[in-house]
C-alpha atoms as a PDB file:
ATOM      1  CA  UNK A   1       4.958  58.851 -24.032  1.00  0.00           C
ATOM      2  CA  UNK A   2       7.203  61.128 -21.966  1.00  0.00           C
ATOM      3  CA  UNK A   3       7.364  60.129 -18.322  1.00  0.00           C
ATOM      4  CA  UNK A   4       8.056  62.617 -15.428  1.00  0.00           C
ATOM      5  CA  UNK A   5       9.939  61.708 -12.265  1.00  0.00           C
ATOM      6  CA  UNK A   6       9.500  64.596  -9.812  1.00  0.00           C
ATOM      7  CA  UNK A   7      12.682  63.712  -7.890  1.00  0.00           C
ATOM      8  CA  UNK A   8      14.833  64.497 -10.958  1.00  0.00           C
ATOM      9  CA  UNK A   9      14.074  68.196 -10.659  1.00  0.00           C
ATOM     10  CA  UNK A  10      14.969  68.188  -6.963  1.00  0.00           C
ATOM     11  CA  UNK A  11      18.191  66.345  -7.120  1.00  0.00           C
ATOM     12  CA  UNK A  12      19.649  67.084 -10.533  1.00  0.00           C
ATOM     13  CA  UNK A  13      21.756  70.138  -9.569  1.00  0.00           C
ATOM     14  CA  UNK A  14      23.215  68.444  -6.504  1.00  0.00           C
ATOM     15  CA  UNK A  15      24.155  65.401  -8.636  1.00  0.00           C
ATOM     16  CA  UNK A  16      25.544  67.640 -11.373  1.00  0.00           C
ATOM     17  CA  UNK A  17      27.895  69.371  -8.968  1.00  0.00           C
ATOM     18  CA  UNK A  18      29.465  66.011  -8.034  1.00  0.00           C
ATOM     19  CA  UNK A  19      29.488  64.759 -11.618  1.00  0.00           C
ATOM     20  CA  UNK A  20      31.476  67.861 -12.697  1.00  0.00           C
ATOM     21  CA  UNK A  21      34.111  66.863 -10.191  1.00  0.00           C
ATOM     22  CA  UNK A  22      34.192  63.089 -10.760  1.00  0.00           C
ATOM     23  CA  UNK A  23      33.551  62.610 -14.500  1.00  0.00           C
ATOM     24  CA  UNK A  24      36.362  62.753 -17.064  1.00  0.00           C
ATOM     25  CA  UNK A  25      36.730  65.859 -19.155  1.00  0.00           C
ATOM     26  CA  UNK A  26      35.920  64.073 -22.417  1.00  0.00           C
ATOM     27  CA  UNK A  27      34.468  60.718 -23.413  1.00  0.00           C
ATOM     28  CA  UNK A  28      31.260  58.614 -23.171  1.00  0.00           C
ATOM     29  CA  UNK A  29      29.163  58.362 -20.047  1.00  0.00           C
ATOM     30  CA  UNK A  30      26.883  55.322 -19.831  1.00  0.00           C
ATOM     31  CA  UNK A  31      23.822  55.953 -17.709  1.00  0.00           C
ATOM     32  CA  UNK A  32      22.351  52.672 -16.481  1.00  0.00           C
ATOM     33  CA  UNK A  33      18.636  52.753 -15.422  1.00  0.00           C
ATOM     34  CA  UNK A  34      17.968  56.194 -16.960  1.00  0.00           C
ATOM     35  CA  UNK A  35      14.226  55.980 -16.101  1.00  0.00           C
ATOM     36  CA  UNK A  36      12.226  58.887 -17.600  1.00  0.00           C
ATOM     37  CA  UNK A  37      15.271  60.301 -19.364  1.00  0.00           C
ATOM     38  CA  UNK A  38      15.042  63.708 -17.664  1.00  0.00           C
ATOM     39  CA  UNK A  39      18.445  63.322 -16.026  1.00  0.00           C
ATOM     40  CA  UNK A  40      20.013  62.307 -19.285  1.00  0.00           C
ATOM     41  CA  UNK A  41      18.806  65.350 -21.191  1.00  0.00           C
ATOM     42  CA  UNK A  42      19.698  67.730 -18.298  1.00  0.00           C
ATOM     43  CA  UNK A  43      23.186  66.326 -17.833  1.00  0.00           C
ATOM     44  CA  UNK A  44      23.951  66.118 -21.591  1.00  0.00           C
ATOM     45  CA  UNK A  45      22.958  69.789 -21.872  1.00  0.00           C
ATOM     46  CA  UNK A  46      25.061  70.854 -19.011  1.00  0.00           C
ATOM     47  CA  UNK A  47      28.126  68.853 -20.042  1.00  0.00           C
ATOM     48  CA  UNK A  48      28.184  69.091 -23.932  1.00  0.00           C
ATOM     49  CA  UNK A  49      31.747  67.855 -24.116  1.00  0.00           C
ATOM     50  CA  UNK A  50      30.617  64.424 -22.920  1.00  0.00           C
ATOM     51  CA  UNK A  51      28.645  61.885 -25.016  1.00  0.00           C
ATOM     52  CA  UNK A  52      25.749  60.682 -22.925  1.00  0.00           C
ATOM     53  CA  UNK A  53      24.484  57.105 -23.455  1.00  0.00           C
ATOM     54  CA  UNK A  54      21.137  56.539 -21.688  1.00  0.00           C
ATOM     55  CA  UNK A  55      19.766  53.035 -21.090  1.00  0.00           C
ATOM     56  CA  UNK A  56      16.951  51.244 -19.277  1.00  0.00           C
ATOM     57  CA  UNK A  57      15.552  47.729 -19.026  1.00  0.00           C
ATOM     58  CA  UNK A  58      11.936  48.977 -19.424  1.00  0.00           C
ATOM     59  CA  UNK A  59      10.783  49.603 -23.027  1.00  0.00           C
ATOM     60  CA  UNK A  60       8.393  52.279 -21.795  1.00  0.00           C
ATOM     61  CA  UNK A  61      11.284  54.111 -20.137  1.00  0.00           C
ATOM     62  CA  UNK A  62      13.351  53.853 -23.343  1.00  0.00           C
ATOM     63  CA  UNK A  63      10.414  55.372 -25.257  1.00  0.00           C
ATOM     64  CA  UNK A  64      10.205  58.221 -22.781  1.00  0.00           C
ATOM     65  CA  UNK A  65      13.922  58.860 -23.108  1.00  0.00           C
ATOM     66  CA  UNK A  66      13.578  58.845 -26.883  1.00  0.00           C
ATOM     67  CA  UNK A  67      10.714  61.397 -26.689  1.00  0.00           C
ATOM     68  CA  UNK A  68      12.836  63.745 -24.543  1.00  0.00           C
ATOM     69  CA  UNK A  69      15.780  63.221 -26.919  1.00  0.00           C
ATOM     70  CA  UNK A  70      13.601  64.202 -29.886  1.00  0.00           C
ATOM     71  CA  UNK A  71      13.239  67.688 -28.358  1.00  0.00           C
ATOM     72  CA  UNK A  72      16.944  67.978 -27.438  1.00  0.00           C
ATOM     73  CA  UNK A  73      18.931  70.374 -29.698  1.00  0.00           C
ATOM     74  CA  UNK A  74      22.429  69.037 -28.826  1.00  0.00           C
ATOM     75  CA  UNK A  75      24.312  66.247 -30.587  1.00  0.00           C
ATOM     76  CA  UNK A  76      25.850  64.561 -27.547  1.00  0.00           C
ATOM     77  CA  UNK A  77      22.816  62.599 -26.353  1.00  0.00           C
ATOM     78  CA  UNK A  78      22.782  59.128 -27.939  1.00  0.00           C
ATOM     79  CA  UNK A  79      19.835  56.989 -28.769  1.00  0.00           C
ATOM     80  CA  UNK A  80      18.752  55.033 -25.635  1.00  0.00           C
ATOM     81  CA  UNK A  81      19.321  51.275 -25.499  1.00  0.00           C
ATOM     82  CA  UNK A  82      17.573  48.441 -23.659  1.00  0.00           C
ATOM     83  CA  UNK A  83      19.980  47.326 -20.905  1.00  0.00           C
ATOM     84  CA  UNK A  84      19.175  45.101 -17.929  1.00  0.00           C
ATOM     85  CA  UNK A  85      22.128  45.384 -15.545  1.00  0.00           C
ATOM     86  CA  UNK A  86      21.487  41.830 -14.206  1.00  0.00           C
ATOM     87  CA  UNK A  87      21.834  40.220 -17.609  1.00  0.00           C
ATOM     88  CA  UNK A  88      25.168  39.190 -19.086  1.00  0.00           C
ATOM     89  CA  UNK A  89      24.861  40.583 -22.561  1.00  0.00           C
ATOM     90  CA  UNK A  90      25.088  44.411 -22.534  1.00  0.00           C
ATOM     91  CA  UNK A  91      24.442  46.333 -25.791  1.00  0.00           C
ATOM     92  CA  UNK A  92      27.305  48.760 -24.909  1.00  0.00           C
ATOM     93  CA  UNK A  93      30.889  47.792 -25.410  1.00  0.00           C
ATOM     94  CA  UNK A  94      32.686  50.939 -24.230  1.00  0.00           C
ATOM     95  CA  UNK A  95      32.324  53.704 -21.664  1.00  0.00           C
ATOM     96  CA  UNK A  96      34.671  56.189 -20.060  1.00  0.00           C
ATOM     97  CA  UNK A  97      32.394  56.528 -17.039  1.00  0.00           C
ATOM     98  CA  UNK A  98      29.215  54.935 -15.668  1.00  0.00           C
ATOM     99  CA  UNK A  99      26.511  56.521 -13.595  1.00  0.00           C
ATOM    100  CA  UNK A 100      23.525  54.746 -12.040  1.00  0.00           C
ATOM    101  CA  UNK A 101      20.968  56.679  -9.950  1.00  0.00           C
ATOM    102  CA  UNK A 102      18.248  55.178  -7.835  1.00  0.00           C
ATOM    103  CA  UNK A 103      18.418  51.622  -9.142  1.00  0.00           C
ATOM    104  CA  UNK A 104      20.024  49.552  -6.398  1.00  0.00           C
ATOM    105  CA  UNK A 105      17.067  49.840  -3.971  1.00  0.00           C
ATOM    106  CA  UNK A 106      14.300  49.177  -6.544  1.00  0.00           C
ATOM    107  CA  UNK A 107      15.770  46.143  -8.272  1.00  0.00           C
ATOM    108  CA  UNK A 108      16.999  42.715  -7.197  1.00  0.00           C
ATOM    109  CA  UNK A 109      20.481  42.589  -5.708  1.00  0.00           C
ATOM    110  CA  UNK A 110      21.549  40.780  -8.880  1.00  0.00           C
ATOM    111  CA  UNK A 111      21.147  44.028 -10.814  1.00  0.00           C
ATOM    112  CA  UNK A 112      23.667  45.796  -8.562  1.00  0.00           C
ATOM    113  CA  UNK A 113      26.052  42.923  -8.784  1.00  0.00           C
ATOM    114  CA  UNK A 114      25.746  42.828 -12.567  1.00  0.00           C
ATOM    115  CA  UNK A 115      26.218  46.633 -12.730  1.00  0.00           C
ATOM    116  CA  UNK A 116      29.461  46.393 -10.890  1.00  0.00           C
ATOM    117  CA  UNK A 117      30.742  43.264 -12.632  1.00  0.00           C
ATOM    118  CA  UNK A 118      29.997  44.497 -16.145  1.00  0.00           C
ATOM    119  CA  UNK A 119      30.865  48.068 -15.334  1.00  0.00           C
ATOM    120  CA  UNK A 120      34.261  46.981 -14.180  1.00  0.00           C
ATOM    121  CA  UNK A 121      34.786  45.192 -17.488  1.00  0.00           C
ATOM    122  CA  UNK A 122      33.835  48.286 -19.511  1.00  0.00           C
ATOM    123  CA  UNK A 123      35.875  50.853 -17.678  1.00  0.00           C
ATOM    124  CA  UNK A 124      39.532  51.488 -17.989  1.00  0.00           C
ATOM    125  CA  UNK A 125      42.041  52.234 -15.205  1.00  0.00           C
ATOM    126  CA  UNK A 126      40.847  55.078 -12.994  1.00  0.00           C
ATOM    127  CA  UNK A 127      37.544  55.529 -14.795  1.00  0.00           C
ATOM    128  CA  UNK A 128      34.546  56.032 -12.463  1.00  0.00           C
ATOM    129  CA  UNK A 129      31.481  53.982 -11.615  1.00  0.00           C
ATOM    130  CA  UNK A 130      29.188  56.405  -9.803  1.00  0.00           C
ATOM    131  CA  UNK A 131      26.136  55.277  -7.755  1.00  0.00           C
ATOM    132  CA  UNK A 132      23.436  57.605  -6.351  1.00  0.00           C
ATOM    133  CA  UNK A 133      20.704  56.833  -3.934  1.00  0.00           C
ATOM    134  CA  UNK A 134      19.985  55.857  -0.361  1.00  0.00           C
ATOM    135  CA  UNK A 135      22.374  53.459   1.316  1.00  0.00           C
ATOM    136  CA  UNK A 136      22.836  52.053   4.816  1.00  0.00           C
ATOM    137  CA  UNK A 137      26.211  52.149   6.518  1.00  0.00           C
ATOM    138  CA  UNK A 138      27.315  50.095   9.510  1.00  0.00           C
ATOM    139  CA  UNK A 139      28.991  53.075  11.134  1.00  0.00           C
ATOM    140  CA  UNK A 140      26.149  55.628  10.582  1.00  0.00           C
ATOM    141  CA  UNK A 141      22.795  55.590  12.299  1.00  0.00           C
ATOM    142  CA  UNK A 142      20.166  55.399   9.495  1.00  0.00           C
ATOM    143  CA  UNK A 143      17.730  58.254   9.028  1.00  0.00           C
ATOM    144  CA  UNK A 144      14.222  57.429  10.222  1.00  0.00           C
ATOM    145  CA  UNK A 145      12.952  58.289   6.686  1.00  0.00           C
ATOM    146  CA  UNK A 146      15.269  55.784   5.136  1.00  0.00           C
ATOM    147  CA  UNK A 147      14.196  53.039   7.571  1.00  0.00           C
ATOM    148  CA  UNK A 148      10.561  53.730   6.694  1.00  0.00           C
ATOM    149  CA  UNK A 149      11.403  53.797   2.944  1.00  0.00           C
ATOM    150  CA  UNK A 150      13.197  50.465   3.268  1.00  0.00           C
ATOM    151  CA  UNK A 151      10.167  48.906   4.828  1.00  0.00           C
ATOM    152  CA  UNK A 152       7.912  50.235   2.176  1.00  0.00           C
ATOM    153  CA  UNK A 153      10.178  48.945  -0.560  1.00  0.00           C
ATOM    154  CA  UNK A 154      10.286  45.443   0.885  1.00  0.00           C
ATOM    155  CA  UNK A 155       6.567  45.410   1.352  1.00  0.00           C
ATOM    156  CA  UNK A 156       6.194  46.098  -2.479  1.00  0.00           C
ATOM    157  CA  UNK A 157       8.803  43.499  -3.462  1.00  0.00           C
ATOM    158  CA  UNK A 158      10.885  41.332  -1.132  1.00  0.00           C
ATOM    159  CA  UNK A 159      13.826  41.637  -3.561  1.00  0.00           C
ATOM    160  CA  UNK A 160      13.984  45.379  -3.170  1.00  0.00           C
ATOM    161  CA  UNK A 161      15.408  47.408  -0.290  1.00  0.00           C
ATOM    162  CA  UNK A 162      18.170  49.892   0.576  1.00  0.00           C
ATOM    163  CA  UNK A 163      21.567  48.307   0.255  1.00  0.00           C
ATOM    164  CA  UNK A 164      24.506  48.342   2.725  1.00  0.00           C
ATOM    165  CA  UNK A 165      27.545  50.221   1.442  1.00  0.00           C
ATOM    166  CA  UNK A 166      29.742  47.493   2.876  1.00  0.00           C
ATOM    167  CA  UNK A 167      28.033  44.907   0.693  1.00  0.00           C
ATOM    168  CA  UNK A 168      28.508  47.087  -2.429  1.00  0.00           C
ATOM    169  CA  UNK A 169      32.127  47.655  -1.487  1.00  0.00           C
ATOM    170  CA  UNK A 170      32.745  43.865  -1.232  1.00  0.00           C
ATOM    171  CA  UNK A 171      31.284  43.228  -4.680  1.00  0.00           C
ATOM    172  CA  UNK A 172      33.313  46.105  -6.097  1.00  0.00           C
ATOM    173  CA  UNK A 173      36.566  44.798  -4.571  1.00  0.00           C
ATOM    174  CA  UNK A 174      35.964  41.319  -6.125  1.00  0.00           C
ATOM    175  CA  UNK A 175      35.948  43.078  -9.523  1.00  0.00           C
ATOM    176  CA  UNK A 176      38.967  45.223  -9.011  1.00  0.00           C
ATOM    177  CA  UNK A 177      37.179  48.459  -7.971  1.00  0.00           C
ATOM    178  CA  UNK A 178      37.789  50.513  -4.867  1.00  0.00           C
ATOM    179  CA  UNK A 179      35.525  53.149  -3.419  1.00  0.00           C
ATOM    180  CA  UNK A 180      37.363  56.474  -3.847  1.00  0.00           C
ATOM    181  CA  UNK A 181      34.663  58.856  -2.718  1.00  0.00           C
ATOM    182  CA  UNK A 182      31.514  59.101  -0.608  1.00  0.00           C
ATOM    183  CA  UNK A 183      29.514  62.305  -1.136  1.00  0.00           C
ATOM    184  CA  UNK A 184      26.624  63.181   1.163  1.00  0.00           C
ATOM    185  CA  UNK A 185      23.614  64.404  -0.774  1.00  0.00           C
ATOM    186  CA  UNK A 186      20.248  66.007   0.054  1.00  0.00           C
ATOM    187  CA  UNK A 187      17.343  63.869   1.362  1.00  0.00           C
ATOM    188  CA  UNK A 188      19.655  61.322   3.024  1.00  0.00           C
ATOM    189  CA  UNK A 189      21.153  60.116  -0.258  1.00  0.00           C
ATOM    190  CA  UNK A 190      24.780  59.422  -1.129  1.00  0.00           C
ATOM    191  CA  UNK A 191      26.925  59.324  -4.187  1.00  0.00           C
ATOM    192  CA  UNK A 192      29.533  56.572  -4.185  1.00  0.00           C
ATOM    193  CA  UNK A 193      32.408  56.571  -6.630  1.00  0.00           C
ATOM    194  CA  UNK A 194      34.407  53.431  -7.513  1.00  0.00           C
ATOM    195  CA  UNK A 195      37.552  53.205  -9.646  1.00  0.00           C
ATOM    196  CA  UNK A 196      40.071  50.561 -10.585  1.00  0.00           C
ATOM    197  CA  UNK A 197      43.590  51.047  -9.279  1.00  0.00           C
END
């Protein structure tokens, strides 16, 4: 029942370092597209003062998260919920921060637009929406590995692909969010942070 995503072991500490800087000291963090649940358990353990709310649109992923949660000794990891970022009805009504890792490029663009729209509605002034993954930038030459990855993604599903930061910024601006940080990460990934003014 438990799934394993090898990348989570490689990137979790680099992501954690940024989260410690960008997340609020207290409150509830909604993780959208939690996947296997390995990140959720690790981050909840490392930041016990925060309540961690995992979610995923895939019932098998939710089952995996639940299996990891059953082995977790802390009290700050909430029961996972089914949540499709592209759909209008979210089962979560409040969050003090939102993080979404590695979803934008392996889902339709509507999922990223939904994430930003609904995320902006959940978050209060200054609270962060944090995105992690590969992104293209108009002013930065793309890494060869990211170009190859993008071609591979589009060959699997024409709705997938690495997104342009400028496109994400425009959607965010339409919903009152401004990018306040861009963190370079290992393996040609980025962490983007958006907040309302």
